[in-house]
Amino acid sequence: MKTHKELIKKMLKNPAVKKAYDAQADEFALLDELLRARRRAGLSQADVARRMGTKAPAVARLEAGGGSKGHSPSIATLRKYAEAVGCRLDVSFRPLKRP
């Protein structure tokens, strides 16, 4: 049986899959950042929800990429999440690398 990383590596050899995966790279990075911050704080989704004034399923949807509706979280929601896990939201724009 292949590991998750091995499966991803194999799937990304397909150009169509790689293109779709790359198109969502920013969203994947955000989701990874949310999970890292919560785990670093030693909190459960229920803990974060309580601190945000919402319910655990809302936090689960946020960490999973917006659920079935797939909408992006607002800056206000990200700020609440950041504060709940003891962080400050930091948004930046970086120049694209040019050849």
PDB file of N, CA and C in Angstrom:
ATOM      1  N   MET A   1       0.845  -1.185   0.000  1.00  0.00           N
ATOM      2  CA  MET A   1       0.000   0.000   0.000  1.00  0.00           C
ATOM      3  C   MET A   1       0.892   1.252   0.000  1.00  0.00           C
ATOM      4  N   LYS A   2       0.548   2.208  -0.834  1.00  0.00           N
ATOM      5  CA  LYS A   2       1.325   3.448  -0.940  1.00  0.00           C
ATOM      6  C   LYS A   2       0.980   4.404   0.193  1.00  0.00           C
ATOM      7  N   THR A   3       1.970   5.203   0.579  1.00  0.00           N
ATOM      8  CA  THR A   3       1.718   6.256   1.561  1.00  0.00           C
ATOM      9  C   THR A   3       1.029   7.417   0.855  1.00  0.00           C
ATOM     10  N   HIS A   4       0.501   8.344   1.631  1.00  0.00           N
ATOM     11  CA  HIS A   4      -0.158   9.518   1.057  1.00  0.00           C
ATOM     12  C   HIS A   4       0.817  10.299   0.183  1.00  0.00           C
ATOM     13  N   LYS A   5       2.034  10.508   0.667  1.00  0.00           N
ATOM     14  CA  LYS A   5       3.026  11.268  -0.106  1.00  0.00           C
ATOM     15  C   LYS A   5       3.375  10.564  -1.413  1.00  0.00           C
ATOM     16  N   GLU A   6       3.494   9.243  -1.376  1.00  0.00           N
ATOM     17  CA  GLU A   6       3.790   8.490  -2.591  1.00  0.00           C
ATOM     18  C   GLU A   6       2.650   8.602  -3.602  1.00  0.00           C
ATOM     19  N   LEU A   7       1.430   8.549  -3.104  1.00  0.00           N
ATOM     20  CA  LEU A   7       0.266   8.673  -3.975  1.00  0.00           C
ATOM     21  C   LEU A   7       0.205  10.057  -4.618  1.00  0.00           C
ATOM     22  N   ILE A   8       0.448  11.092  -3.822  1.00  0.00           N
ATOM     23  CA  ILE A   8       0.457  12.464  -4.362  1.00  0.00           C
ATOM     24  C   ILE A   8       1.535  12.598  -5.437  1.00  0.00           C
ATOM     25  N   LYS A   9       2.728  12.094  -5.137  1.00  0.00           N
ATOM     26  CA  LYS A   9       3.834  12.181  -6.091  1.00  0.00           C
ATOM     27  C   LYS A   9       3.466  11.501  -7.416  1.00  0.00           C
ATOM     28  N   LYS A  10       2.844  10.328  -7.329  1.00  0.00           N
ATOM     29  CA  LYS A  10       2.436   9.604  -8.537  1.00  0.00           C
ATOM     30  C   LYS A  10       1.363  10.379  -9.301  1.00  0.00           C
ATOM     31  N   MET A  11       0.370  10.891  -8.577  1.00  0.00           N
ATOM     32  CA  MET A  11      -0.722  11.621  -9.222  1.00  0.00           C
ATOM     33  C   MET A  11      -0.233  12.901  -9.896  1.00  0.00           C
ATOM     34  N   LEU A  12       0.748  13.569  -9.299  1.00  0.00           N
ATOM     35  CA  LEU A  12       1.233  14.830  -9.856  1.00  0.00           C
ATOM     36  C   LEU A  12       2.034  14.659 -11.144  1.00  0.00           C
ATOM     37  N   LYS A  13       2.333  13.424 -11.502  1.00  0.00           N
ATOM     38  CA  LYS A  13       2.997  13.170 -12.785  1.00  0.00           C
ATOM     39  C   LYS A  13       2.030  13.389 -13.952  1.00  0.00           C
ATOM     40  N   ASN A  14       0.729  13.330 -13.656  1.00  0.00           N
ATOM     41  CA  ASN A  14      -0.295  13.586 -14.669  1.00  0.00           C
ATOM     42  C   ASN A  14      -0.405  15.107 -14.839  1.00  0.00           C
ATOM     43  N   PRO A  15      -0.138  15.661 -16.023  1.00  0.00           N
ATOM     44  CA  PRO A  15      -0.152  17.112 -16.222  1.00  0.00           C
ATOM     45  C   PRO A  15      -1.474  17.784 -15.841  1.00  0.00           C
ATOM     46  N   ALA A  16      -2.596  17.147 -16.106  1.00  0.00           N
ATOM     47  CA  ALA A  16      -3.896  17.747 -15.769  1.00  0.00           C
ATOM     48  C   ALA A  16      -4.079  17.826 -14.256  1.00  0.00           C
ATOM     49  N   VAL A  17      -3.663  16.784 -13.564  1.00  0.00           N
ATOM     50  CA  VAL A  17      -3.758  16.773 -12.094  1.00  0.00           C
ATOM     51  C   VAL A  17      -2.817  17.823 -11.517  1.00  0.00           C
ATOM     52  N   LYS A  18      -1.599  17.905 -12.045  1.00  0.00           N
ATOM     53  CA  LYS A  18      -0.628  18.881 -11.540  1.00  0.00           C
ATOM     54  C   LYS A  18      -1.130  20.310 -11.732  1.00  0.00           C
ATOM     55  N   LYS A  19      -1.735  20.580 -12.887  1.00  0.00           N
ATOM     56  CA  LYS A  19      -2.255  21.917 -13.162  1.00  0.00           C
ATOM     57  C   LYS A  19      -3.361  22.271 -12.158  1.00  0.00           C
ATOM     58  N   ALA A  20      -4.280  21.356 -11.898  1.00  0.00           N
ATOM     59  CA  ALA A  20      -5.362  21.598 -10.941  1.00  0.00           C
ATOM     60  C   ALA A  20      -4.809  21.751  -9.523  1.00  0.00           C
ATOM     61  N   TYR A  21      -3.838  20.937  -9.185  1.00  0.00           N
ATOM     62  CA  TYR A  21      -3.213  20.999  -7.851  1.00  0.00           C
ATOM     63  C   TYR A  21      -2.503  22.343  -7.661  1.00  0.00           C
ATOM     64  N   ASP A  22      -1.727  22.740  -8.652  1.00  0.00           N
ATOM     65  CA  ASP A  22      -0.991  24.011  -8.571  1.00  0.00           C
ATOM     66  C   ASP A  22      -1.934  25.208  -8.477  1.00  0.00           C
ATOM     67  N   ALA A  23      -3.093  25.105  -9.127  1.00  0.00           N
ATOM     68  CA  ALA A  23      -4.063  26.203  -9.096  1.00  0.00           C
ATOM     69  C   ALA A  23      -4.613  26.422  -7.692  1.00  0.00           C
ATOM     70  N   GLN A  24      -4.529  25.405  -6.843  1.00  0.00           N
ATOM     71  CA  GLN A  24      -5.042  25.520  -5.478  1.00  0.00           C
ATOM     72  C   GLN A  24      -3.928  25.621  -4.437  1.00  0.00           C
ATOM     73  N   ALA A  25      -2.712  25.855  -4.856  1.00  0.00           N
ATOM     74  CA  ALA A  25      -1.567  25.878  -3.944  1.00  0.00           C
ATOM     75  C   ALA A  25      -1.737  26.906  -2.823  1.00  0.00           C
ATOM     76  N   ASP A  26      -2.259  28.085  -3.135  1.00  0.00           N
ATOM     77  CA  ASP A  26      -2.432  29.109  -2.110  1.00  0.00           C
ATOM     78  C   ASP A  26      -3.443  28.665  -1.055  1.00  0.00           C
ATOM     79  N   GLU A  27      -4.533  28.039  -1.499  1.00  0.00           N
ATOM     80  CA  GLU A  27      -5.539  27.557  -0.550  1.00  0.00           C
ATOM     81  C   GLU A  27      -4.958  26.452   0.332  1.00  0.00           C
ATOM     82  N   PHE A  28      -4.200  25.532  -0.281  1.00  0.00           N
ATOM     83  CA  PHE A  28      -3.573  24.470   0.506  1.00  0.00           C
ATOM     84  C   PHE A  28      -2.625  25.060   1.547  1.00  0.00           C
ATOM     85  N   ALA A  29      -1.878  26.086   1.174  1.00  0.00           N
ATOM     86  CA  ALA A  29      -0.946  26.723   2.112  1.00  0.00           C
ATOM     87  C   ALA A  29      -1.707  27.351   3.274  1.00  0.00           C
ATOM     88  N   LEU A  30      -2.836  27.993   2.988  1.00  0.00           N
ATOM     89  CA  LEU A  30      -3.643  28.591   4.047  1.00  0.00           C
ATOM     90  C   LEU A  30      -4.165  27.522   4.999  1.00  0.00           C
ATOM     91  N   LEU A  31      -4.686  26.430   4.445  1.00  0.00           N
ATOM     92  CA  LEU A  31      -5.224  25.362   5.280  1.00  0.00           C
ATOM     93  C   LEU A  31      -4.132  24.755   6.161  1.00  0.00           C
ATOM     94  N   ASP A  32      -2.945  24.557   5.593  1.00  0.00           N
ATOM     95  CA  ASP A  32      -1.817  24.040   6.382  1.00  0.00           C
ATOM     96  C   ASP A  32      -1.467  25.000   7.510  1.00  0.00           C
ATOM     97  N   GLU A  33      -1.495  26.287   7.212  1.00  0.00           N
ATOM     98  CA  GLU A  33      -1.161  27.302   8.222  1.00  0.00           C
ATOM     99  C   GLU A  33      -2.179  27.293   9.361  1.00  0.00           C
ATOM    100  N   LEU A  34      -3.475  27.167   9.032  1.00  0.00           N
ATOM    101  CA  LEU A  34      -4.504  27.106  10.064  1.00  0.00           C
ATOM    102  C   LEU A  34      -4.262  25.918  10.994  1.00  0.00           C
ATOM    103  N   LEU A  35      -4.045  24.757  10.411  1.00  0.00           N
ATOM    104  CA  LEU A  35      -3.829  23.555  11.217  1.00  0.00           C
ATOM    105  C   LEU A  35      -2.574  23.655  12.077  1.00  0.00           C
ATOM    106  N   ARG A  36      -1.488  24.164  11.494  1.00  0.00           N
ATOM    107  CA  ARG A  36      -0.235  24.319  12.261  1.00  0.00           C
ATOM    108  C   ARG A  36      -0.429  25.240  13.453  1.00  0.00           C
ATOM    109  N   ALA A  37      -1.128  26.352  13.235  1.00  0.00           N
ATOM    110  CA  ALA A  37      -1.337  27.319  14.317  1.00  0.00           C
ATOM    111  C   ALA A  37      -2.179  26.709  15.438  1.00  0.00           C
ATOM    112  N   ARG A  38      -3.233  25.983  15.074  1.00  0.00           N
ATOM    113  CA  ARG A  38      -4.086  25.376  16.101  1.00  0.00           C
ATOM    114  C   ARG A  38      -3.326  24.306  16.877  1.00  0.00           C
ATOM    115  N   ARG A  39      -2.587  23.479  16.171  1.00  0.00           N
ATOM    116  CA  ARG A  39      -1.825  22.418  16.848  1.00  0.00           C
ATOM    117  C   ARG A  39      -0.722  23.002  17.721  1.00  0.00           C
ATOM    118  N   ARG A  40      -0.072  24.053  17.243  1.00  0.00           N
ATOM    119  CA  ARG A  40       0.971  24.727  18.027  1.00  0.00           C
ATOM    120  C   ARG A  40       0.379  25.276  19.325  1.00  0.00           C
ATOM    121  N   ALA A  41      -0.870  25.745  19.256  1.00  0.00           N
ATOM    122  CA  ALA A  41      -1.545  26.283  20.437  1.00  0.00           C
ATOM    123  C   ALA A  41      -2.076  25.168  21.342  1.00  0.00           C
ATOM    124  N   GLY A  42      -2.053  23.931  20.857  1.00  0.00           N
ATOM    125  CA  GLY A  42      -2.525  22.810  21.649  1.00  0.00           C
ATOM    126  C   GLY A  42      -4.032  22.809  21.853  1.00  0.00           C
ATOM    127  N   LEU A  43      -4.760  23.293  20.846  1.00  0.00           N
ATOM    128  CA  LEU A  43      -6.211  23.427  20.965  1.00  0.00           C
ATOM    129  C   LEU A  43      -6.939  22.453  20.046  1.00  0.00           C
ATOM    130  N   SER A  44      -8.129  22.056  20.446  1.00  0.00           N
ATOM    131  CA  SER A  44      -9.007  21.259  19.590  1.00  0.00           C
ATOM    132  C   SER A  44      -9.861  22.219  18.761  1.00  0.00           C
ATOM    133  N   GLN A  45     -10.555  21.669  17.778  1.00  0.00           N
ATOM    134  CA  GLN A  45     -11.478  22.494  17.007  1.00  0.00           C
ATOM    135  C   GLN A  45     -12.565  23.065  17.905  1.00  0.00           C
ATOM    136  N   ALA A  46     -13.012  22.281  18.872  1.00  0.00           N
ATOM    137  CA  ALA A  46     -14.033  22.761  19.809  1.00  0.00           C
ATOM    138  C   ALA A  46     -13.510  23.925  20.643  1.00  0.00           C
ATOM    139  N   ASP A  47     -12.235  23.856  21.060  1.00  0.00           N
ATOM    140  CA  ASP A  47     -11.633  24.951  21.821  1.00  0.00           C
ATOM    141  C   ASP A  47     -11.610  26.230  20.994  1.00  0.00           C
ATOM    142  N   VAL A  48     -11.165  26.102  19.743  1.00  0.00           N
ATOM    143  CA  VAL A  48     -11.090  27.271  18.853  1.00  0.00           C
ATOM    144  C   VAL A  48     -12.487  27.829  18.617  1.00  0.00           C
ATOM    145  N   ALA A  49     -13.447  26.957  18.386  1.00  0.00           N
ATOM    146  CA  ALA A  49     -14.828  27.400  18.151  1.00  0.00           C
ATOM    147  C   ALA A  49     -15.351  28.192  19.334  1.00  0.00           C
ATOM    148  N   ARG A  50     -15.123  27.696  20.535  1.00  0.00           N
ATOM    149  CA  ARG A  50     -15.573  28.395  21.738  1.00  0.00           C
ATOM    150  C   ARG A  50     -14.954  29.792  21.810  1.00  0.00           C
ATOM    151  N   ARG A  51     -13.669  29.871  21.531  1.00  0.00           N
ATOM    152  CA  ARG A  51     -12.979  31.161  21.578  1.00  0.00           C
ATOM    153  C   ARG A  51     -13.454  32.112  20.475  1.00  0.00           C
ATOM    154  N   MET A  52     -13.887  31.549  19.352  1.00  0.00           N
ATOM    155  CA  MET A  52     -14.377  32.370  18.239  1.00  0.00           C
ATOM    156  C   MET A  52     -15.854  32.725  18.387  1.00  0.00           C
ATOM    157  N   GLY A  53     -16.545  32.054  19.299  1.00  0.00           N
ATOM    158  CA  GLY A  53     -17.972  32.287  19.452  1.00  0.00           C
ATOM    159  C   GLY A  53     -18.793  31.588  18.386  1.00  0.00           C
ATOM    160  N   THR A  54     -18.321  30.410  17.967  1.00  0.00           N
ATOM    161  CA  THR A  54     -19.031  29.634  16.952  1.00  0.00           C
ATOM    162  C   THR A  54     -19.067  28.178  17.377  1.00  0.00           C
ATOM    163  N   LYS A  55     -19.382  27.290  16.464  1.00  0.00           N
ATOM    164  CA  LYS A  55     -19.467  25.862  16.770  1.00  0.00           C
ATOM    165  C   LYS A  55     -18.334  25.109  16.071  1.00  0.00           C
ATOM    166  N   ALA A  56     -17.982  23.954  16.629  1.00  0.00           N
ATOM    167  CA  ALA A  56     -16.872  23.154  16.089  1.00  0.00           C
ATOM    168  C   ALA A  56     -17.034  22.811  14.605  1.00  0.00           C
ATOM    169  N   PRO A  57     -18.240  22.478  14.112  1.00  0.00           N
ATOM    170  CA  PRO A  57     -18.348  22.184  12.675  1.00  0.00           C
ATOM    171  C   PRO A  57     -17.934  23.368  11.778  1.00  0.00           C
ATOM    172  N   ALA A  58     -18.139  24.578  12.245  1.00  0.00           N
ATOM    173  CA  ALA A  58     -17.726  25.755  11.465  1.00  0.00           C
ATOM    174  C   ALA A  58     -16.204  25.813  11.364  1.00  0.00           C
ATOM    175  N   VAL A  59     -15.534  25.494  12.463  1.00  0.00           N
ATOM    176  CA  VAL A  59     -14.059  25.472  12.453  1.00  0.00           C
ATOM    177  C   VAL A  59     -13.577  24.330  11.563  1.00  0.00           C
ATOM    178  N   ALA A  60     -14.237  23.185  11.642  1.00  0.00           N
ATOM    179  CA  ALA A  60     -13.866  22.052  10.789  1.00  0.00           C
ATOM    180  C   ALA A  60     -13.995  22.422   9.311  1.00  0.00           C
ATOM    181  N   ARG A  61     -15.087  23.098   8.942  1.00  0.00           N
ATOM    182  CA  ARG A  61     -15.261  23.534   7.544  1.00  0.00           C
ATOM    183  C   ARG A  61     -14.174  24.522   7.144  1.00  0.00           C
ATOM    184  N   LEU A  62     -13.856  25.440   8.041  1.00  0.00           N
ATOM    185  CA  LEU A  62     -12.816  26.427   7.760  1.00  0.00           C
ATOM    186  C   LEU A  62     -11.483  25.731   7.488  1.00  0.00           C
ATOM    187  N   GLU A  63     -11.136  24.762   8.332  1.00  0.00           N
ATOM    188  CA  GLU A  63      -9.866  24.049   8.180  1.00  0.00           C
ATOM    189  C   GLU A  63      -9.868  23.081   6.999  1.00  0.00           C
ATOM    190  N   ALA A  64     -11.055  22.754   6.493  1.00  0.00           N
ATOM    191  CA  ALA A  64     -11.153  21.828   5.360  1.00  0.00           C
ATOM    192  C   ALA A  64     -11.310  22.554   4.033  1.00  0.00           C
ATOM    193  N   GLY A  65     -11.340  23.859   4.060  1.00  0.00           N
ATOM    194  CA  GLY A  65     -11.415  24.615   2.813  1.00  0.00           C
ATOM    195  C   GLY A  65     -12.787  25.115   2.449  1.00  0.00           C
ATOM    196  N   GLY A  66     -13.649  25.326   3.421  1.00  0.00           N
ATOM    197  CA  GLY A  66     -14.931  25.949   3.148  1.00  0.00           C
ATOM    198  C   GLY A  66     -16.091  25.008   2.965  1.00  0.00           C
ATOM    199  N   GLY A  67     -15.856  23.717   3.088  1.00  0.00           N
ATOM    200  CA  GLY A  67     -16.959  22.772   2.973  1.00  0.00           C
ATOM    201  C   GLY A  67     -17.486  22.645   1.560  1.00  0.00           C
ATOM    202  N   SER A  68     -18.721  22.208   1.436  1.00  0.00           N
ATOM    203  CA  SER A  68     -19.285  21.931   0.115  1.00  0.00           C
ATOM    204  C   SER A  68     -19.489  23.196  -0.710  1.00  0.00           C
ATOM    205  N   LYS A  69     -19.675  24.335  -0.054  1.00  0.00           N
ATOM    206  CA  LYS A  69     -19.868  25.587  -0.789  1.00  0.00           C
ATOM    207  C   LYS A  69     -18.542  26.142  -1.298  1.00  0.00           C
ATOM    208  N   GLY A  70     -17.435  25.736  -0.682  1.00  0.00           N
ATOM    209  CA  GLY A  70     -16.115  26.091  -1.160  1.00  0.00           C
ATOM    210  C   GLY A  70     -15.805  27.573  -1.203  1.00  0.00           C
ATOM    211  N   HIS A  71     -16.441  28.368  -0.348  1.00  0.00           N
ATOM    212  CA  HIS A  71     -16.153  29.798  -0.370  1.00  0.00           C
ATOM    213  C   HIS A  71     -14.941  30.114   0.517  1.00  0.00           C
ATOM    214  N   SER A  72     -14.280  31.187   0.205  1.00  0.00           N
ATOM    215  CA  SER A  72     -13.105  31.606   0.967  1.00  0.00           C
ATOM    216  C   SER A  72     -13.529  32.345   2.225  1.00  0.00           C
ATOM    217  N   PRO A  73     -12.796  32.137   3.319  1.00  0.00           N
ATOM    218  CA  PRO A  73     -13.136  32.844   4.559  1.00  0.00           C
ATOM    219  C   PRO A  73     -12.829  34.336   4.444  1.00  0.00           C
ATOM    220  N   SER A  74     -13.577  35.130   5.179  1.00  0.00           N
ATOM    221  CA  SER A  74     -13.335  36.572   5.182  1.00  0.00           C
ATOM    222  C   SER A  74     -12.112  36.892   6.044  1.00  0.00           C
ATOM    223  N   ILE A  75     -11.592  38.080   5.863  1.00  0.00           N
ATOM    224  CA  ILE A  75     -10.479  38.543   6.698  1.00  0.00           C
ATOM    225  C   ILE A  75     -10.914  38.568   8.160  1.00  0.00           C
ATOM    226  N   ALA A  76     -12.157  38.971   8.423  1.00  0.00           N
ATOM    227  CA  ALA A  76     -12.666  39.009   9.798  1.00  0.00           C
ATOM    228  C   ALA A  76     -12.654  37.612  10.425  1.00  0.00           C
ATOM    229  N   THR A  77     -13.056  36.597   9.662  1.00  0.00           N
ATOM    230  CA  THR A  77     -13.053  35.228  10.170  1.00  0.00           C
ATOM    231  C   THR A  77     -11.631  34.742  10.421  1.00  0.00           C
ATOM    232  N   LEU A  78     -10.728  35.026   9.496  1.00  0.00           N
ATOM    233  CA  LEU A  78      -9.333  34.633   9.695  1.00  0.00           C
ATOM    234  C   LEU A  78      -8.726  35.339  10.904  1.00  0.00           C
ATOM    235  N   ARG A  79      -9.092  36.596  11.108  1.00  0.00           N
ATOM    236  CA  ARG A  79      -8.599  37.346  12.270  1.00  0.00           C
ATOM    237  C   ARG A  79      -9.101  36.704  13.568  1.00  0.00           C
ATOM    238  N   LYS A  80     -10.390  36.334  13.613  1.00  0.00           N
ATOM    239  CA  LYS A  80     -10.950  35.675  14.797  1.00  0.00           C
ATOM    240  C   LYS A  80     -10.238  34.354  15.066  1.00  0.00           C
ATOM    241  N   TYR A  81      -9.992  33.596  14.006  1.00  0.00           N
ATOM    242  CA  TYR A  81      -9.297  32.314  14.145  1.00  0.00           C
ATOM    243  C   TYR A  81      -7.887  32.548  14.691  1.00  0.00           C
ATOM    244  N   ALA A  82      -7.194  33.512  14.112  1.00  0.00           N
ATOM    245  CA  ALA A  82      -5.829  33.817  14.556  1.00  0.00           C
ATOM    246  C   ALA A  82      -5.813  34.185  16.039  1.00  0.00           C
ATOM    247  N   GLU A  83      -6.710  35.039  16.448  1.00  0.00           N
ATOM    248  CA  GLU A  83      -6.771  35.441  17.860  1.00  0.00           C
ATOM    249  C   GLU A  83      -7.107  34.247  18.747  1.00  0.00           C
ATOM    250  N   ALA A  84      -7.984  33.367  18.277  1.00  0.00           N
ATOM    251  CA  ALA A  84      -8.386  32.197  19.063  1.00  0.00           C
ATOM    252  C   ALA A  84      -7.218  31.247  19.311  1.00  0.00           C
ATOM    253  N   VAL A  85      -6.268  31.201  18.373  1.00  0.00           N
ATOM    254  CA  VAL A  85      -5.113  30.314  18.538  1.00  0.00           C
ATOM    255  C   VAL A  85      -3.873  31.071  19.014  1.00  0.00           C
ATOM    256  N   GLY A  86      -4.074  32.304  19.462  1.00  0.00           N
ATOM    257  CA  GLY A  86      -2.970  33.088  20.030  1.00  0.00           C
ATOM    258  C   GLY A  86      -2.012  33.649  19.007  1.00  0.00           C
ATOM    259  N   CYS A  87      -2.539  34.005  17.850  1.00  0.00           N
ATOM    260  CA  CYS A  87      -1.702  34.549  16.774  1.00  0.00           C
ATOM    261  C   CYS A  87      -2.262  35.888  16.292  1.00  0.00           C
ATOM    262  N   ARG A  88      -1.490  36.522  15.431  1.00  0.00           N
ATOM    263  CA  ARG A  88      -1.907  37.742  14.758  1.00  0.00           C
ATOM    264  C   ARG A  88      -1.955  37.431  13.276  1.00  0.00           C
ATOM    265  N   LEU A  89      -3.013  37.831  12.618  1.00  0.00           N
ATOM    266  CA  LEU A  89      -3.139  37.607  11.178  1.00  0.00           C
ATOM    267  C   LEU A  89      -2.170  38.533  10.450  1.00  0.00           C
ATOM    268  N   ASP A  90      -1.427  37.965   9.519  1.00  0.00           N
ATOM    269  CA  ASP A  90      -0.456  38.735   8.746  1.00  0.00           C
ATOM    270  C   ASP A  90      -0.679  38.406   7.273  1.00  0.00           C
ATOM    271  N   VAL A  91      -1.149  39.376   6.501  1.00  0.00           N
ATOM    272  CA  VAL A  91      -1.395  39.185   5.075  1.00  0.00           C
ATOM    273  C   VAL A  91      -0.344  39.975   4.309  1.00  0.00           C
ATOM    274  N   SER A  92       0.229  39.356   3.291  1.00  0.00           N
ATOM    275  CA  SER A  92       1.243  40.074   2.523  1.00  0.00           C
ATOM    276  C   SER A  92       1.140  39.714   1.049  1.00  0.00           C
ATOM    277  N   PHE A  93       1.662  40.590   0.229  1.00  0.00           N
ATOM    278  CA  PHE A  93       1.790  40.357  -1.196  1.00  0.00           C
ATOM    279  C   PHE A  93       3.277  40.332  -1.500  1.00  0.00           C
ATOM    280  N   ARG A  94       3.697  39.313  -2.242  1.00  0.00           N
ATOM    281  CA  ARG A  94       5.113  39.200  -2.614  1.00  0.00           C
ATOM    282  C   ARG A  94       5.219  39.250  -4.130  1.00  0.00           C
ATOM    283  N   PRO A  95       6.211  39.927  -4.643  1.00  0.00           N
ATOM    284  CA  PRO A  95       6.360  39.997  -6.093  1.00  0.00           C
ATOM    285  C   PRO A  95       6.568  38.610  -6.693  1.00  0.00           C
ATOM    286  N   LEU A  96       6.024  38.398  -7.883  1.00  0.00           N
ATOM    287  CA  LEU A  96       6.253  37.155  -8.593  1.00  0.00           C
ATOM    288  C   LEU A  96       7.690  37.116  -9.073  1.00  0.00           C
ATOM    289  N   LYS A  97       8.239  35.935  -9.122  1.00  0.00           N
ATOM    290  CA  LYS A  97       9.604  35.783  -9.656  1.00  0.00           C
ATOM    291  C   LYS A  97       9.531  35.898 -11.165  1.00  0.00           C
ATOM    292  N   ARG A  98      10.357  36.725 -11.714  1.00  0.00           N
ATOM    293  CA  ARG A  98      10.392  36.933 -13.173  1.00  0.00           C
ATOM    294  C   ARG A  98      11.680  36.331 -13.732  1.00  0.00           C
ATOM    295  N   PRO A  99      11.585  35.695 -14.903  1.00  0.00           N
ATOM    296  CA  PRO A  99      12.798  35.095 -15.496  1.00  0.00           C
ATOM    297  C   PRO A  99      13.786  36.149 -15.952  1.00  0.00           C
TER     298      PRO A  99
END
